[in-house]
């Protein structure tokens, strides 16, 4: 068996990123540890498991929030679009569009804390 455990996600500030992922998106903190020399490893991910994001400080000039250019980089799946959408709006998340229904589910593009594009998707039932 092989699975993707974690992926690196570039950020400007760990605490700012934690507020976004934990408070606004509802992710869990899987690791937040500072090692000798001051290096901090922060990993967040969905509450129920799956692939996590290693929040890594981007070097000067790194494409923070633009790792894939203008394309959607991440697809956040939910089983309750309305509740997650409302939570995100309460936390000031900017949606680029109104929710829409597609054959693959209910979807809307939103921006992360650096303006990068994500999809919020609820797959169709059945």
C-alpha atoms as a PDB file:
ATOM      1  CA  UNK A   1       0.000   0.000   0.000  1.00  0.00           C
ATOM      2  CA  UNK A   2       1.107   3.547  -0.675  1.00  0.00           C
ATOM      3  CA  UNK A   3      -0.592   6.796   0.302  1.00  0.00           C
ATOM      4  CA  UNK A   4       0.216  10.474   0.318  1.00  0.00           C
ATOM      5  CA  UNK A   5       0.719  11.394   3.964  1.00  0.00           C
ATOM      6  CA  UNK A   6       1.595  15.098   3.934  1.00  0.00           C
ATOM      7  CA  UNK A   7       2.329  17.850   1.420  1.00  0.00           C
ATOM      8  CA  UNK A   8       4.236  21.068   1.976  1.00  0.00           C
ATOM      9  CA  UNK A   9       2.213  24.274   1.957  1.00  0.00           C
ATOM     10  CA  UNK A  10       4.207  27.514   1.930  1.00  0.00           C
ATOM     11  CA  UNK A  11       3.213  30.223   4.416  1.00  0.00           C
ATOM     12  CA  UNK A  12       4.528  33.595   5.576  1.00  0.00           C
ATOM     13  CA  UNK A  13       3.747  33.040   9.269  1.00  0.00           C
ATOM     14  CA  UNK A  14       2.887  29.872  11.203  1.00  0.00           C
ATOM     15  CA  UNK A  15       0.430  31.472  13.614  1.00  0.00           C
ATOM     16  CA  UNK A  16      -1.422  33.323  10.865  1.00  0.00           C
ATOM     17  CA  UNK A  17      -1.675  30.080   8.889  1.00  0.00           C
ATOM     18  CA  UNK A  18      -2.852  28.132  11.942  1.00  0.00           C
ATOM     19  CA  UNK A  19      -5.667  30.625  12.501  1.00  0.00           C
ATOM     20  CA  UNK A  20      -6.785  30.160   8.896  1.00  0.00           C
ATOM     21  CA  UNK A  21      -6.601  26.373   8.752  1.00  0.00           C
ATOM     22  CA  UNK A  22      -7.841  25.628  12.266  1.00  0.00           C
ATOM     23  CA  UNK A  23     -10.339  28.407  12.938  1.00  0.00           C
ATOM     24  CA  UNK A  24     -11.693  29.134   9.463  1.00  0.00           C
ATOM     25  CA  UNK A  25     -11.461  25.696   7.818  1.00  0.00           C
ATOM     26  CA  UNK A  26     -11.829  23.493  10.896  1.00  0.00           C
ATOM     27  CA  UNK A  27      -8.614  21.501  10.445  1.00  0.00           C
ATOM     28  CA  UNK A  28      -6.865  19.823  13.374  1.00  0.00           C
ATOM     29  CA  UNK A  29      -3.317  20.574  14.470  1.00  0.00           C
ATOM     30  CA  UNK A  30      -1.430  17.310  14.065  1.00  0.00           C
ATOM     31  CA  UNK A  31       1.966  18.636  15.092  1.00  0.00           C
ATOM     32  CA  UNK A  32       3.284  21.952  16.366  1.00  0.00           C
ATOM     33  CA  UNK A  33       6.766  21.445  17.666  1.00  0.00           C
ATOM     34  CA  UNK A  34       9.823  23.680  17.918  1.00  0.00           C
ATOM     35  CA  UNK A  35      13.195  21.957  17.719  1.00  0.00           C
ATOM     36  CA  UNK A  36      16.694  22.935  18.785  1.00  0.00           C
ATOM     37  CA  UNK A  37      17.828  25.916  16.775  1.00  0.00           C
ATOM     38  CA  UNK A  38      14.270  27.342  16.618  1.00  0.00           C
ATOM     39  CA  UNK A  39      13.011  25.349  13.616  1.00  0.00           C
ATOM     40  CA  UNK A  40       9.256  24.831  13.958  1.00  0.00           C
ATOM     41  CA  UNK A  41       7.330  21.983  12.320  1.00  0.00           C
ATOM     42  CA  UNK A  42       3.604  22.601  11.998  1.00  0.00           C
ATOM     43  CA  UNK A  43       1.246  20.083  10.400  1.00  0.00           C
ATOM     44  CA  UNK A  44      -2.526  20.500  10.006  1.00  0.00           C
ATOM     45  CA  UNK A  45      -5.155  18.360   8.348  1.00  0.00           C
ATOM     46  CA  UNK A  46      -8.798  17.346   8.280  1.00  0.00           C
ATOM     47  CA  UNK A  47     -10.238  16.221  11.628  1.00  0.00           C
ATOM     48  CA  UNK A  48     -10.902  12.678  10.416  1.00  0.00           C
ATOM     49  CA  UNK A  49      -7.462  12.004   8.945  1.00  0.00           C
ATOM     50  CA  UNK A  50      -6.181  11.977   5.405  1.00  0.00           C
ATOM     51  CA  UNK A  51      -3.374  13.976   3.878  1.00  0.00           C
ATOM     52  CA  UNK A  52      -1.968  16.760   6.026  1.00  0.00           C
ATOM     53  CA  UNK A  53      -0.345  20.061   5.159  1.00  0.00           C
ATOM     54  CA  UNK A  54       3.131  20.811   6.478  1.00  0.00           C
ATOM     55  CA  UNK A  55       3.055  24.582   6.974  1.00  0.00           C
ATOM     56  CA  UNK A  56       6.540  25.611   5.886  1.00  0.00           C
ATOM     57  CA  UNK A  57       7.869  29.145   5.974  1.00  0.00           C
ATOM     58  CA  UNK A  58       8.508  30.304   2.432  1.00  0.00           C
ATOM     59  CA  UNK A  59      11.890  31.773   1.643  1.00  0.00           C
ATOM     60  CA  UNK A  60      11.995  35.353   0.325  1.00  0.00           C
ATOM     61  CA  UNK A  61      10.593  35.337  -3.195  1.00  0.00           C
ATOM     62  CA  UNK A  62       8.872  31.943  -2.789  1.00  0.00           C
ATOM     63  CA  UNK A  63       5.467  31.658  -4.518  1.00  0.00           C
ATOM     64  CA  UNK A  64       3.460  31.649  -1.272  1.00  0.00           C
ATOM     65  CA  UNK A  65      -0.196  31.191  -2.196  1.00  0.00           C
ATOM     66  CA  UNK A  66       0.662  30.778  -5.862  1.00  0.00           C
ATOM     67  CA  UNK A  67       2.316  27.373  -5.930  1.00  0.00           C
ATOM     68  CA  UNK A  68       0.211  26.403  -8.967  1.00  0.00           C
ATOM     69  CA  UNK A  69      -0.155  29.828 -10.542  1.00  0.00           C
ATOM     70  CA  UNK A  70      -3.770  30.872 -11.073  1.00  0.00           C
ATOM     71  CA  UNK A  71      -5.163  27.310 -11.032  1.00  0.00           C
ATOM     72  CA  UNK A  72      -7.064  25.733  -8.158  1.00  0.00           C
ATOM     73  CA  UNK A  73      -4.433  24.013  -6.031  1.00  0.00           C
ATOM     74  CA  UNK A  74      -6.542  22.140  -3.469  1.00  0.00           C
ATOM     75  CA  UNK A  75      -9.985  20.582  -3.359  1.00  0.00           C
ATOM     76  CA  UNK A  76     -11.620  20.607   0.077  1.00  0.00           C
ATOM     77  CA  UNK A  77     -14.407  18.022   0.281  1.00  0.00           C
ATOM     78  CA  UNK A  78     -17.250  18.318   2.786  1.00  0.00           C
ATOM     79  CA  UNK A  79     -20.405  16.354   3.529  1.00  0.00           C
ATOM     80  CA  UNK A  80     -22.262  19.542   4.550  1.00  0.00           C
ATOM     81  CA  UNK A  81     -21.565  22.320   2.064  1.00  0.00           C
ATOM     82  CA  UNK A  82     -24.002  24.804   3.606  1.00  0.00           C
ATOM     83  CA  UNK A  83     -22.538  24.524   7.120  1.00  0.00           C
ATOM     84  CA  UNK A  84     -18.909  24.671   5.948  1.00  0.00           C
ATOM     85  CA  UNK A  85     -19.639  27.575   3.597  1.00  0.00           C
ATOM     86  CA  UNK A  86     -21.306  29.490   6.438  1.00  0.00           C
ATOM     87  CA  UNK A  87     -18.406  28.770   8.821  1.00  0.00           C
ATOM     88  CA  UNK A  88     -15.926  30.045   6.254  1.00  0.00           C
ATOM     89  CA  UNK A  89     -17.935  33.198   5.564  1.00  0.00           C
ATOM     90  CA  UNK A  90     -18.117  33.920   9.320  1.00  0.00           C
ATOM     91  CA  UNK A  91     -14.323  33.756   9.410  1.00  0.00           C
ATOM     92  CA  UNK A  92     -13.959  36.205   6.535  1.00  0.00           C
ATOM     93  CA  UNK A  93     -13.021  33.758   3.797  1.00  0.00           C
ATOM     94  CA  UNK A  94     -13.487  35.309   0.357  1.00  0.00           C
ATOM     95  CA  UNK A  95     -15.425  33.252  -2.170  1.00  0.00           C
ATOM     96  CA  UNK A  96     -14.836  34.135  -5.800  1.00  0.00           C
ATOM     97  CA  UNK A  97     -18.300  32.929  -6.775  1.00  0.00           C
ATOM     98  CA  UNK A  98     -21.646  31.857  -5.439  1.00  0.00           C
ATOM     99  CA  UNK A  99     -22.094  28.122  -4.790  1.00  0.00           C
ATOM    100  CA  UNK A 100     -23.174  26.236  -7.901  1.00  0.00           C
ATOM    101  CA  UNK A 101     -24.412  22.743  -8.654  1.00  0.00           C
ATOM    102  CA  UNK A 102     -22.418  20.639 -11.074  1.00  0.00           C
ATOM    103  CA  UNK A 103     -22.725  16.953 -12.027  1.00  0.00           C
ATOM    104  CA  UNK A 104     -19.870  16.245  -9.581  1.00  0.00           C
ATOM    105  CA  UNK A 105     -21.534  18.116  -6.695  1.00  0.00           C
ATOM    106  CA  UNK A 106     -22.022  21.521  -5.111  1.00  0.00           C
ATOM    107  CA  UNK A 107     -18.912  23.660  -5.514  1.00  0.00           C
ATOM    108  CA  UNK A 108     -17.529  27.165  -5.016  1.00  0.00           C
ATOM    109  CA  UNK A 109     -14.020  28.575  -5.412  1.00  0.00           C
ATOM    110  CA  UNK A 110     -12.593  30.367  -2.383  1.00  0.00           C
ATOM    111  CA  UNK A 111      -9.285  32.005  -1.563  1.00  0.00           C
ATOM    112  CA  UNK A 112      -6.810  30.978   1.089  1.00  0.00           C
ATOM    113  CA  UNK A 113      -5.094  33.571   3.262  1.00  0.00           C
ATOM    114  CA  UNK A 114      -2.686  34.443   0.423  1.00  0.00           C
ATOM    115  CA  UNK A 115      -5.213  34.617  -2.415  1.00  0.00           C
ATOM    116  CA  UNK A 116      -4.597  31.083  -3.731  1.00  0.00           C
ATOM    117  CA  UNK A 117      -7.613  29.302  -5.212  1.00  0.00           C
ATOM    118  CA  UNK A 118      -9.277  26.299  -3.543  1.00  0.00           C
ATOM    119  CA  UNK A 119     -12.511  24.461  -4.337  1.00  0.00           C
ATOM    120  CA  UNK A 120     -15.042  23.678  -1.622  1.00  0.00           C
ATOM    121  CA  UNK A 121     -16.985  20.640  -2.880  1.00  0.00           C
ATOM    122  CA  UNK A 122     -19.820  18.485  -1.582  1.00  0.00           C
ATOM    123  CA  UNK A 123     -20.149  15.418  -3.822  1.00  0.00           C
ATOM    124  CA  UNK A 124     -23.664  14.388  -4.852  1.00  0.00           C
ATOM    125  CA  UNK A 125     -25.431  11.883  -2.615  1.00  0.00           C
ATOM    126  CA  UNK A 126     -26.002   8.445  -4.056  1.00  0.00           C
END
